[in-house]
Amino acid sequence: YKPIRDFVEEFQPTKGCKAYILEDCATSLEKWKPHSAAFFPQLVAEAEKITSSLLQFREAPGGNPMFAFAIVCYTLDVKQFGAKGSENFFELINKMLQERDPVLLDGSMGYLH
């Protein structure tokens, strides 16, 4: 048994959260659930706008705008763009975490960090 938090313990990010979502998470989640990342481009585009707006009025969590962006991505409901509920990023991440599959966790590590 390995606690989920320990999967990212030694991880060192090499790119931004957006890239981790569009590249690593999308690739990993698509292999697990085909077409699951179809709305990721809309997700990150909308999340960028929302995050930018939010950061005009408050400090980013931990002083890092990527943390704010990650939270916005996680909470954004993409059904407004025609997605099914099962295609929401938060739904996919939650189900993936429940699976505890090391390959899926590895593919999402950059976002989870």
Foldseek 3Di string as FASTA:
>chain_A
DDDLVVLLVPPDDDDALLCLVVPLLCVLLCVVPNPLCVCSVVLLVVLVVVLVVVVVPDADVVNDSSNSSLVSQLPDQCVVVVDDRCSRPVNSVVVLVVVVDSSNSVSNSNSVD
